[in-house]
PDB file of N, CA and C in Angstrom:
ATOM      1  N   UNK A   1     -44.433  -6.501 -48.326  1.00  0.00           N
ATOM      2  CA  UNK A   1     -43.941  -5.139 -48.356  1.00  0.00           C
ATOM      3  C   UNK A   1     -45.115  -4.169 -48.237  1.00  0.00           C
ATOM      4  N   UNK A   2     -45.007  -3.227 -47.313  1.00  0.00           N
ATOM      5  CA  UNK A   2     -46.092  -2.287 -47.095  1.00  0.00           C
ATOM      6  C   UNK A   2     -45.953  -1.068 -47.991  1.00  0.00           C
ATOM      7  N   UNK A   3     -47.091  -0.536 -48.385  1.00  0.00           N
ATOM      8  CA  UNK A   3     -47.096   0.706 -49.158  1.00  0.00           C
ATOM      9  C   UNK A   3     -46.805   1.870 -48.220  1.00  0.00           C
ATOM     10  N   UNK A   4     -46.123   2.897 -48.699  1.00  0.00           N
ATOM     11  CA  UNK A   4     -45.848   4.048 -47.840  1.00  0.00           C
ATOM     12  C   UNK A   4     -47.139   4.720 -47.402  1.00  0.00           C
ATOM     13  N   UNK A   5     -47.173   5.180 -46.149  1.00  0.00           N
ATOM     14  CA  UNK A   5     -48.371   5.821 -45.611  1.00  0.00           C
ATOM     15  C   UNK A   5     -48.561   7.208 -46.202  1.00  0.00           C
ATOM     16  N   UNK A   6     -47.465   7.890 -46.471  1.00  0.00           N
ATOM     17  CA  UNK A   6     -47.558   9.249 -47.001  1.00  0.00           C
ATOM     18  C   UNK A   6     -46.706   9.332 -48.259  1.00  0.00           C
ATOM     19  N   UNK A   7     -47.250   8.878 -49.362  1.00  0.00           N
ATOM     20  CA  UNK A   7     -46.501   8.804 -50.608  1.00  0.00           C
ATOM     21  C   UNK A   7     -46.031  10.136 -51.132  1.00  0.00           C
ATOM     22  N   UNK A   8     -46.855  11.179 -50.975  1.00  0.00           N
ATOM     23  CA  UNK A   8     -46.452  12.483 -51.514  1.00  0.00           C
ATOM     24  C   UNK A   8     -45.273  13.060 -50.744  1.00  0.00           C
ATOM     25  N   UNK A   9     -45.233  12.815 -49.434  1.00  0.00           N
ATOM     26  CA  UNK A   9     -44.092  13.295 -48.636  1.00  0.00           C
ATOM     27  C   UNK A   9     -42.828  12.559 -49.059  1.00  0.00           C
ATOM     28  N   UNK A  10     -42.946  11.254 -49.233  1.00  0.00           N
ATOM     29  CA  UNK A  10     -41.795  10.463 -49.669  1.00  0.00           C
ATOM     30  C   UNK A  10     -41.295  10.941 -51.028  1.00  0.00           C
ATOM     31  N   UNK A  11     -42.225  11.221 -51.926  1.00  0.00           N
ATOM     32  CA  UNK A  11     -41.851  11.674 -53.261  1.00  0.00           C
ATOM     33  C   UNK A  11     -41.164  13.030 -53.201  1.00  0.00           C
ATOM     34  N   UNK A  12     -41.662  13.927 -52.354  1.00  0.00           N
ATOM     35  CA  UNK A  12     -41.029  15.245 -52.252  1.00  0.00           C
ATOM     36  C   UNK A  12     -39.643  15.124 -51.636  1.00  0.00           C
ATOM     37  N   UNK A  13     -39.472  14.201 -50.694  1.00  0.00           N
ATOM     38  CA  UNK A  13     -38.141  13.979 -50.112  1.00  0.00           C
ATOM     39  C   UNK A  13     -37.184  13.417 -51.155  1.00  0.00           C
ATOM     40  N   UNK A  14     -37.668  12.507 -51.972  1.00  0.00           N
ATOM     41  CA  UNK A  14     -36.836  11.939 -53.039  1.00  0.00           C
ATOM     42  C   UNK A  14     -36.434  13.033 -54.020  1.00  0.00           C
ATOM     43  N   UNK A  15     -37.381  13.888 -54.382  1.00  0.00           N
ATOM     44  CA  UNK A  15     -37.073  14.979 -55.315  1.00  0.00           C
ATOM     45  C   UNK A  15     -36.070  15.945 -54.709  1.00  0.00           C
ATOM     46  N   UNK A  16     -36.200  16.228 -53.416  1.00  0.00           N
ATOM     47  CA  UNK A  16     -35.248  17.117 -52.747  1.00  0.00           C
ATOM     48  C   UNK A  16     -33.858  16.496 -52.741  1.00  0.00           C
ATOM     49  N   UNK A  17     -33.785  15.195 -52.494  1.00  0.00           N
ATOM     50  CA  UNK A  17     -32.495  14.509 -52.502  1.00  0.00           C
ATOM     51  C   UNK A  17     -31.895  14.480 -53.902  1.00  0.00           C
ATOM     52  N   UNK A  18     -32.720  14.308 -54.906  1.00  0.00           N
ATOM     53  CA  UNK A  18     -32.222  14.335 -56.289  1.00  0.00           C
ATOM     54  C   UNK A  18     -31.648  15.703 -56.627  1.00  0.00           C
ATOM     55  N   UNK A  19     -32.336  16.757 -56.188  1.00  0.00           N
ATOM     56  CA  UNK A  19     -31.852  18.116 -56.447  1.00  0.00           C
ATOM     57  C   UNK A  19     -30.523  18.353 -55.735  1.00  0.00           C
ATOM     58  N   UNK A  20     -30.443  17.924 -54.485  1.00  0.00           N
ATOM     59  CA  UNK A  20     -29.195  18.064 -53.730  1.00  0.00           C
ATOM     60  C   UNK A  20     -28.078  17.273 -54.398  1.00  0.00           C
ATOM     61  N   UNK A  21     -28.388  16.075 -54.847  1.00  0.00           N
ATOM     62  CA  UNK A  21     -27.400  15.240 -55.522  1.00  0.00           C
ATOM     63  C   UNK A  21     -26.886  15.925 -56.787  1.00  0.00           C
ATOM     64  N   UNK A  22     -27.780  16.532 -57.540  1.00  0.00           N
ATOM     65  CA  UNK A  22     -27.366  17.237 -58.756  1.00  0.00           C
ATOM     66  C   UNK A  22     -26.422  18.384 -58.432  1.00  0.00           C
ATOM     67  N   UNK A  23     -26.737  19.130 -57.368  1.00  0.00           N
ATOM     68  CA  UNK A  23     -25.871  20.242 -56.965  1.00  0.00           C
ATOM     69  C   UNK A  23     -24.500  19.727 -56.532  1.00  0.00           C
ATOM     70  N   UNK A  24     -24.489  18.604 -55.827  1.00  0.00           N
ATOM     71  CA  UNK A  24     -23.217  18.030 -55.387  1.00  0.00           C
ATOM     72  C   UNK A  24     -22.388  17.555 -56.575  1.00  0.00           C
ATOM     73  N   UNK A  25     -23.026  16.980 -57.567  1.00  0.00           N
ATOM     74  CA  UNK A  25     -22.310  16.530 -58.765  1.00  0.00           C
ATOM     75  C   UNK A  25     -21.658  17.721 -59.461  1.00  0.00           C
ATOM     76  N   UNK A  26     -22.381  18.837 -59.547  1.00  0.00           N
ATOM     77  CA  UNK A  26     -21.829  20.043 -60.167  1.00  0.00           C
ATOM     78  C   UNK A  26     -20.627  20.533 -59.371  1.00  0.00           C
ATOM     79  N   UNK A  27     -20.758  20.565 -58.047  1.00  0.00           N
ATOM     80  CA  UNK A  27     -19.656  21.019 -57.190  1.00  0.00           C
ATOM     81  C   UNK A  27     -18.442  20.117 -57.332  1.00  0.00           C
ATOM     82  N   UNK A  28     -18.659  18.818 -57.350  1.00  0.00           N
ATOM     83  CA  UNK A  28     -17.553  17.862 -57.496  1.00  0.00           C
ATOM     84  C   UNK A  28     -16.857  18.066 -58.835  1.00  0.00           C
ATOM     85  N   UNK A  29     -17.636  18.271 -59.890  1.00  0.00           N
ATOM     86  CA  UNK A  29     -17.057  18.500 -61.215  1.00  0.00           C
ATOM     87  C   UNK A  29     -16.191  19.752 -61.218  1.00  0.00           C
ATOM     88  N   UNK A  30     -16.677  20.822 -60.586  1.00  0.00           N
ATOM     89  CA  UNK A  30     -15.901  22.063 -60.516  1.00  0.00           C
ATOM     90  C   UNK A  30     -14.609  21.859 -59.726  1.00  0.00           C
ATOM     91  N   UNK A  31     -14.691  21.134 -58.622  1.00  0.00           N
ATOM     92  CA  UNK A  31     -13.499  20.884 -57.809  1.00  0.00           C
ATOM     93  C   UNK A  31     -12.485  20.026 -58.560  1.00  0.00           C
ATOM     94  N   UNK A  32     -12.966  19.063 -59.320  1.00  0.00           N
ATOM     95  CA  UNK A  32     -12.045  18.241 -60.113  1.00  0.00           C
ATOM     96  C   UNK A  32     -11.308  19.089 -61.142  1.00  0.00           C
ATOM     97  N   UNK A  33     -12.022  20.029 -61.756  1.00  0.00           N
ATOM     98  CA  UNK A  33     -11.382  20.925 -62.727  1.00  0.00           C
ATOM     99  C   UNK A  33     -10.319  21.773 -62.040  1.00  0.00           C
ATOM    100  N   UNK A  34     -10.618  22.258 -60.844  1.00  0.00           N
ATOM    101  CA  UNK A  34      -9.639  23.048 -60.087  1.00  0.00           C
ATOM    102  C   UNK A  34      -8.416  22.197 -59.739  1.00  0.00           C
ATOM    103  N   UNK A  35      -8.645  20.951 -59.358  1.00  0.00           N
ATOM    104  CA  UNK A  35      -7.542  20.067 -58.983  1.00  0.00           C
ATOM    105  C   UNK A  35      -6.631  19.758 -60.159  1.00  0.00           C
ATOM    106  N   UNK A  36      -7.160  19.769 -61.370  1.00  0.00           N
ATOM    107  CA  UNK A  36      -6.337  19.548 -62.559  1.00  0.00           C
ATOM    108  C   UNK A  36      -5.352  20.700 -62.719  1.00  0.00           C
ATOM    109  N   UNK A  37      -5.741  21.892 -62.321  1.00  0.00           N
ATOM    110  CA  UNK A  37      -4.892  23.077 -62.471  1.00  0.00           C
ATOM    111  C   UNK A  37      -3.717  23.077 -61.495  1.00  0.00           C
ATOM    112  N   UNK A  38      -3.838  22.411 -60.367  1.00  0.00           N
ATOM    113  CA  UNK A  38      -2.811  22.480 -59.321  1.00  0.00           C
ATOM    114  C   UNK A  38      -1.449  21.994 -59.812  1.00  0.00           C
ATOM    115  N   UNK A  39      -1.327  20.813 -60.418  1.00  0.00           N
ATOM    116  CA  UNK A  39      -0.003  20.384 -60.893  1.00  0.00           C
ATOM    117  C   UNK A  39       0.588  21.348 -61.927  1.00  0.00           C
ATOM    118  N   UNK A  40      -0.269  21.922 -62.766  1.00  0.00           N
ATOM    119  CA  UNK A  40       0.210  22.883 -63.760  1.00  0.00           C
ATOM    120  C   UNK A  40       0.794  24.111 -63.072  1.00  0.00           C
ATOM    121  N   UNK A  41       0.153  24.570 -62.017  1.00  0.00           N
ATOM    122  CA  UNK A  41       0.648  25.743 -61.291  1.00  0.00           C
ATOM    123  C   UNK A  41       1.959  25.435 -60.572  1.00  0.00           C
ATOM    124  N   UNK A  42       2.095  24.221 -60.073  1.00  0.00           N
ATOM    125  CA  UNK A  42       3.329  23.837 -59.371  1.00  0.00           C
ATOM    126  C   UNK A  42       4.520  23.827 -60.318  1.00  0.00           C
ATOM    127  N   UNK A  43       4.284  23.454 -61.570  1.00  0.00           N
ATOM    128  CA  UNK A  43       5.370  23.396 -62.555  1.00  0.00           C
ATOM    129  C   UNK A  43       5.859  24.784 -62.940  1.00  0.00           C
ATOM    130  N   UNK A  44       4.985  25.757 -62.832  1.00  0.00           N
ATOM    131  CA  UNK A  44       5.351  27.122 -63.260  1.00  0.00           C
ATOM    132  C   UNK A  44       6.240  27.826 -62.269  1.00  0.00           C
TER     133      UNK A  44
END
């Protein structure tokens, strides 16, 4: 297995992906909360 040629670039890409992943998790959580409200609204 070869060591990465540009470790700092790889690390910054990983950190960027982690940040994006965190934002997506927050968005998914918000959408799930909204989806819980839909059946309640239909009943009203």
